Amino acid sequence: RDWLKIHNRLKQDANEKPHDLVFLGDSLVGNLRGDSKDNRTAKYFNEAFAPANAVALGIGGDETQNVIWRILHGELPQEYHPKVFLLLVGTNNLNHGPTDREVPEVA
C-alpha cells in the first residue's frame, strides 16, 4: 500500500469542491471510504453523510503526526469552511508513542 498515493488521492478529493462535513483521521475514518473488507461502514456513510456534502479523509495506521503532516501538505484547502469538522486521531499512538515528554511536540 502506498501511503503517499493515498494522501494524494485524498488531497484531490478534498480539493474537488468545498464540503460541509469533513471527517479527518486514521483507519476509522478511512473505513468510511470503503478501505476495509467490511464495506457496511462505507455503505452507511454513502447513505447517511454523502448527501450532506461530506468527505472522509482517513488513512489506516495514521498516527497524530501523520495527520498533521497531511494537513500541512495540502489535504485540507486553506479556504475550507465546513459546517462540521470531525477529527478522529490518536488511537494508533497509544501503543508505541509518543512519550509523555513528546506529547506537546506532537500536539
N, C-alpha and C. Protein backbone atom coordinates (compact mmCIF):
# COMPACT_ATOMS: atom_id res chain seq x y z
N ARG A 1 0.84 -1.18 0.00
CA ARG A 1 0.00 0.00 0.00
C ARG A 1 0.88 1.24 0.00
N ASP A 2 0.60 2.17 -0.84
CA ASP A 2 1.41 3.37 -1.00
C ASP A 2 0.75 4.55 -0.28
N TRP A 3 1.29 4.88 0.89
CA TRP A 3 0.72 5.92 1.75
C TRP A 3 0.63 7.25 1.01
N LEU A 4 1.70 7.65 0.32
CA LEU A 4 1.70 8.94 -0.37
C LEU A 4 0.66 8.97 -1.49
N LYS A 5 0.48 7.86 -2.16
CA LYS A 5 -0.54 7.78 -3.20
C LYS A 5 -1.94 7.98 -2.61
N ILE A 6 -2.18 7.37 -1.46
CA ILE A 6 -3.48 7.54 -0.78
C ILE A 6 -3.65 9.00 -0.37
N HIS A 7 -2.61 9.59 0.21
CA HIS A 7 -2.66 11.01 0.60
C HIS A 7 -3.01 11.89 -0.61
N ASN A 8 -2.37 11.65 -1.72
CA ASN A 8 -2.64 12.46 -2.93
C ASN A 8 -4.06 12.28 -3.42
N ARG A 9 -4.60 11.07 -3.30
CA ARG A 9 -5.99 10.83 -3.70
C ARG A 9 -6.94 11.59 -2.77
N LEU A 10 -6.66 11.56 -1.47
CA LEU A 10 -7.50 12.27 -0.51
C LEU A 10 -7.40 13.78 -0.71
N LYS A 11 -6.20 14.23 -1.00
CA LYS A 11 -5.99 15.65 -1.27
C LYS A 11 -6.82 16.09 -2.47
N GLN A 12 -6.83 15.26 -3.50
CA GLN A 12 -7.62 15.55 -4.70
C GLN A 12 -9.11 15.59 -4.36
N ASP A 13 -9.58 14.62 -3.58
CA ASP A 13 -10.98 14.58 -3.18
C ASP A 13 -11.36 15.81 -2.36
N ALA A 14 -10.49 16.20 -1.44
CA ALA A 14 -10.77 17.35 -0.58
C ALA A 14 -10.80 18.65 -1.37
N ASN A 15 -9.94 18.74 -2.37
CA ASN A 15 -9.84 19.97 -3.15
C ASN A 15 -10.83 20.04 -4.31
N GLU A 16 -11.55 18.95 -4.54
CA GLU A 16 -12.50 18.87 -5.64
C GLU A 16 -13.60 19.93 -5.52
N LYS A 17 -14.09 20.13 -4.30
CA LYS A 17 -15.16 21.10 -4.04
C LYS A 17 -15.21 21.36 -2.54
N PRO A 18 -15.82 22.45 -2.12
CA PRO A 18 -15.99 22.68 -0.68
C PRO A 18 -16.96 21.64 -0.10
N HIS A 19 -16.67 21.17 1.09
CA HIS A 19 -17.53 20.20 1.76
C HIS A 19 -18.11 20.82 3.03
N ASP A 20 -19.33 20.43 3.36
CA ASP A 20 -19.97 20.93 4.57
C ASP A 20 -19.61 20.09 5.79
N LEU A 21 -19.27 18.84 5.57
CA LEU A 21 -18.96 17.91 6.65
C LEU A 21 -17.66 17.18 6.30
N VAL A 22 -16.64 17.35 7.14
CA VAL A 22 -15.33 16.77 6.87
C VAL A 22 -14.95 15.84 8.02
N PHE A 23 -14.64 14.60 7.66
CA PHE A 23 -14.11 13.61 8.60
C PHE A 23 -12.62 13.48 8.28
N LEU A 24 -11.76 13.62 9.28
CA LEU A 24 -10.31 13.52 9.07
C LEU A 24 -9.72 12.61 10.13
N GLY A 25 -8.86 11.67 9.71
CA GLY A 25 -8.26 10.81 10.72
C GLY A 25 -7.57 9.59 10.16
N ASP A 26 -7.67 8.50 10.93
CA ASP A 26 -6.96 7.25 10.63
C ASP A 26 -7.90 6.25 9.97
N SER A 27 -7.68 4.96 10.23
CA SER A 27 -8.49 3.92 9.57
C SER A 27 -9.96 3.99 9.93
N LEU A 28 -10.28 4.50 11.12
CA LEU A 28 -11.68 4.61 11.50
C LEU A 28 -12.42 5.54 10.54
N VAL A 29 -11.72 6.54 10.02
CA VAL A 29 -12.30 7.42 9.01
C VAL A 29 -12.12 6.81 7.62
N GLY A 30 -10.98 6.19 7.38
CA GLY A 30 -10.74 5.54 6.09
C GLY A 30 -11.78 4.48 5.79
N ASN A 31 -12.26 3.80 6.82
CA ASN A 31 -13.29 2.78 6.63
C ASN A 31 -14.58 3.38 6.08
N LEU A 32 -14.81 4.65 6.35
CA LEU A 32 -15.99 5.32 5.80
C LEU A 32 -15.92 5.40 4.28
N ARG A 33 -14.71 5.38 3.76
CA ARG A 33 -14.49 5.43 2.31
C ARG A 33 -14.55 4.04 1.68
N GLY A 34 -14.60 3.03 2.50
CA GLY A 34 -14.60 1.67 1.97
C GLY A 34 -13.24 1.03 1.99
N ASP A 35 -12.35 1.51 2.86
CA ASP A 35 -10.99 0.99 2.92
C ASP A 35 -10.88 -0.35 3.66
N SER A 36 -11.96 -0.82 4.27
CA SER A 36 -11.90 -2.10 4.97
C SER A 36 -12.59 -3.17 4.14
N LYS A 37 -12.36 -4.42 4.53
CA LYS A 37 -13.00 -5.53 3.82
C LYS A 37 -14.51 -5.52 4.03
N ASP A 38 -14.93 -5.03 5.19
CA ASP A 38 -16.36 -4.94 5.51
C ASP A 38 -16.84 -3.56 5.09
N ASN A 39 -17.52 -3.49 3.97
CA ASN A 39 -17.90 -2.16 3.46
C ASN A 39 -19.27 -1.69 3.92
N ARG A 40 -19.78 -2.29 5.01
CA ARG A 40 -21.04 -1.79 5.57
C ARG A 40 -20.89 -0.35 6.04
N THR A 41 -19.73 -0.02 6.59
CA THR A 41 -19.49 1.33 7.07
C THR A 41 -19.53 2.32 5.91
N ALA A 42 -18.91 1.98 4.81
CA ALA A 42 -18.92 2.86 3.63
C ALA A 42 -20.33 2.99 3.08
N LYS A 43 -21.08 1.91 3.10
CA LYS A 43 -22.46 1.96 2.62
C LYS A 43 -23.28 2.92 3.49
N TYR A 44 -23.10 2.82 4.80
CA TYR A 44 -23.81 3.72 5.72
C TYR A 44 -23.38 5.17 5.48
N PHE A 45 -22.08 5.38 5.34
CA PHE A 45 -21.58 6.73 5.10
C PHE A 45 -22.20 7.31 3.82
N ASN A 46 -22.21 6.52 2.77
CA ASN A 46 -22.76 6.99 1.49
C ASN A 46 -24.25 7.28 1.58
N GLU A 47 -24.96 6.54 2.40
CA GLU A 47 -26.40 6.78 2.55
C GLU A 47 -26.70 7.95 3.48
N ALA A 48 -25.96 8.02 4.59
CA ALA A 48 -26.28 8.99 5.64
C ALA A 48 -25.54 10.32 5.52
N PHE A 49 -24.29 10.28 5.08
CA PHE A 49 -23.49 11.50 5.12
C PHE A 49 -23.15 12.09 3.76
N ALA A 50 -22.93 11.27 2.76
CA ALA A 50 -22.58 11.79 1.45
C ALA A 50 -23.63 12.79 0.92
N PRO A 51 -24.92 12.54 1.12
CA PRO A 51 -25.90 13.53 0.66
C PRO A 51 -25.78 14.88 1.38
N ALA A 52 -25.11 14.88 2.53
CA ALA A 52 -24.90 16.12 3.29
C ALA A 52 -23.61 16.81 2.87
N ASN A 53 -23.11 16.47 1.69
CA ASN A 53 -21.89 17.07 1.15
C ASN A 53 -20.69 16.78 2.06
N ALA A 54 -20.52 15.49 2.38
CA ALA A 54 -19.46 15.06 3.28
C ALA A 54 -18.30 14.43 2.53
N VAL A 55 -17.12 14.48 3.16
CA VAL A 55 -15.94 13.81 2.64
C VAL A 55 -15.23 13.13 3.81
N ALA A 56 -14.72 11.93 3.57
CA ALA A 56 -13.96 11.19 4.59
C ALA A 56 -12.51 11.10 4.15
N LEU A 57 -11.62 11.64 4.96
CA LEU A 57 -10.20 11.70 4.65
C LEU A 57 -9.43 10.92 5.72
N GLY A 58 -9.32 9.61 5.53
CA GLY A 58 -8.66 8.78 6.52
C GLY A 58 -7.70 7.79 5.89
N ILE A 59 -6.60 7.53 6.59
CA ILE A 59 -5.62 6.55 6.15
C ILE A 59 -5.34 5.61 7.32
N GLY A 60 -5.52 4.32 7.06
CA GLY A 60 -5.28 3.32 8.09
C GLY A 60 -3.86 3.36 8.62
N GLY A 61 -3.74 3.26 9.93
CA GLY A 61 -2.43 3.25 10.58
C GLY A 61 -1.88 4.63 10.90
N ASP A 62 -2.53 5.67 10.44
CA ASP A 62 -2.01 7.01 10.70
C ASP A 62 -2.00 7.33 12.19
N GLU A 63 -0.92 7.95 12.59
CA GLU A 63 -0.80 8.49 13.94
C GLU A 63 -1.04 9.99 13.86
N THR A 64 -1.12 10.62 15.01
CA THR A 64 -1.40 12.05 15.06
C THR A 64 -0.45 12.85 14.18
N GLN A 65 0.84 12.55 14.24
CA GLN A 65 1.82 13.29 13.46
C GLN A 65 1.62 13.11 11.95
N ASN A 66 1.11 11.94 11.54
CA ASN A 66 0.83 11.73 10.12
C ASN A 66 -0.31 12.63 9.66
N VAL A 67 -1.35 12.74 10.47
CA VAL A 67 -2.49 13.59 10.10
C VAL A 67 -2.07 15.05 10.06
N ILE A 68 -1.24 15.46 11.00
CA ILE A 68 -0.72 16.84 10.99
C ILE A 68 0.07 17.08 9.70
N TRP A 69 0.90 16.13 9.31
CA TRP A 69 1.68 16.26 8.07
C TRP A 69 0.74 16.40 6.88
N ARG A 70 -0.31 15.57 6.84
CA ARG A 70 -1.26 15.62 5.73
C ARG A 70 -1.93 16.99 5.64
N ILE A 71 -2.28 17.56 6.78
CA ILE A 71 -2.90 18.89 6.79
C ILE A 71 -1.90 19.92 6.26
N LEU A 72 -0.67 19.86 6.75
CA LEU A 72 0.35 20.83 6.34
C LEU A 72 0.75 20.69 4.88
N HIS A 73 0.44 19.54 4.27
CA HIS A 73 0.80 19.30 2.88
C HIS A 73 -0.41 19.27 1.96
N GLY A 74 -1.41 20.07 2.30
CA GLY A 74 -2.48 20.38 1.37
C GLY A 74 -3.70 19.50 1.35
N GLU A 75 -3.82 18.58 2.30
CA GLU A 75 -5.00 17.73 2.26
C GLU A 75 -6.27 18.50 2.61
N LEU A 76 -6.11 19.56 3.37
CA LEU A 76 -7.25 20.44 3.66
C LEU A 76 -6.97 21.80 3.03
N PRO A 77 -7.76 22.19 2.05
CA PRO A 77 -7.56 23.50 1.43
C PRO A 77 -7.69 24.62 2.47
N GLN A 78 -6.90 25.66 2.33
CA GLN A 78 -6.96 26.77 3.28
C GLN A 78 -8.32 27.45 3.29
N GLU A 79 -9.01 27.40 2.16
CA GLU A 79 -10.31 28.06 2.07
C GLU A 79 -11.46 27.18 2.56
N TYR A 80 -11.12 26.06 3.19
CA TYR A 80 -12.15 25.15 3.73
C TYR A 80 -12.89 25.84 4.86
N HIS A 81 -14.20 25.83 4.80
CA HIS A 81 -15.03 26.35 5.88
C HIS A 81 -16.21 25.41 6.09
N PRO A 82 -15.94 24.15 6.48
CA PRO A 82 -17.05 23.22 6.66
C PRO A 82 -17.93 23.62 7.83
N LYS A 83 -19.17 23.21 7.77
CA LYS A 83 -20.09 23.45 8.88
C LYS A 83 -19.72 22.58 10.07
N VAL A 84 -19.26 21.35 9.77
CA VAL A 84 -18.87 20.41 10.82
C VAL A 84 -17.54 19.77 10.41
N PHE A 85 -16.62 19.71 11.38
CA PHE A 85 -15.32 19.10 11.15
C PHE A 85 -15.10 18.07 12.25
N LEU A 86 -14.94 16.81 11.88
CA LEU A 86 -14.73 15.75 12.86
C LEU A 86 -13.31 15.23 12.71
N LEU A 87 -12.54 15.30 13.78
CA LEU A 87 -11.16 14.82 13.79
C LEU A 87 -11.10 13.59 14.68
N LEU A 88 -10.70 12.48 14.10
CA LEU A 88 -10.60 11.22 14.84
C LEU A 88 -9.19 10.68 14.65
N VAL A 89 -8.36 10.90 15.65
CA VAL A 89 -6.95 10.52 15.54
C VAL A 89 -6.38 10.29 16.93
N GLY A 90 -5.33 9.52 17.01
CA GLY A 90 -4.65 9.29 18.27
C GLY A 90 -4.66 7.85 18.73
N THR A 91 -5.62 7.07 18.24
CA THR A 91 -5.71 5.67 18.64
C THR A 91 -4.42 4.93 18.34
N ASN A 92 -3.84 5.17 17.18
CA ASN A 92 -2.62 4.46 16.78
C ASN A 92 -1.38 4.92 17.54
N ASN A 93 -1.49 6.02 18.29
CA ASN A 93 -0.37 6.48 19.11
C ASN A 93 -0.33 5.77 20.46
N LEU A 94 -1.40 5.13 20.85
CA LEU A 94 -1.48 4.59 22.20
C LEU A 94 -0.46 3.51 22.50
N ASN A 95 -0.14 2.67 21.55
CA ASN A 95 0.74 1.54 21.82
C ASN A 95 2.22 1.84 21.73
N HIS A 96 2.61 2.82 20.94
CA HIS A 96 4.05 2.99 20.74
C HIS A 96 4.52 4.42 20.63
N GLY A 97 3.88 5.32 21.21
CA GLY A 97 4.40 6.67 21.23
C GLY A 97 3.30 7.67 21.12
N PRO A 98 3.56 8.89 21.26
CA PRO A 98 4.81 9.45 21.81
C PRO A 98 4.86 9.32 23.32
N THR A 99 6.02 9.58 23.90
CA THR A 99 6.14 9.55 25.35
C THR A 99 5.47 10.80 25.91
N ASP A 100 5.26 10.82 27.22
CA ASP A 100 4.63 11.98 27.86
C ASP A 100 5.41 13.26 27.56
N ARG A 101 6.72 13.13 27.46
CA ARG A 101 7.56 14.30 27.19
C ARG A 101 7.37 14.81 25.77
N GLU A 102 7.01 13.90 24.83
CA GLU A 102 6.88 14.28 23.42
C GLU A 102 5.48 14.79 23.07
N VAL A 103 4.51 14.58 23.93
CA VAL A 103 3.13 14.95 23.62
C VAL A 103 3.00 16.41 23.20
N PRO A 104 3.58 17.38 23.91
CA PRO A 104 3.44 18.77 23.45
C PRO A 104 3.99 19.00 22.03
N GLU A 105 5.03 18.27 21.64
CA GLU A 105 5.59 18.42 20.30
C GLU A 105 4.64 17.91 19.25
N VAL A 106 3.95 16.80 19.52
CA VAL A 106 3.02 16.23 18.55
C VAL A 106 1.77 17.06 18.48
N ALA A 107 1.27 17.51 19.63
CA ALA A 107 0.04 18.30 19.68
C ALA A 107 0.30 19.67 19.12
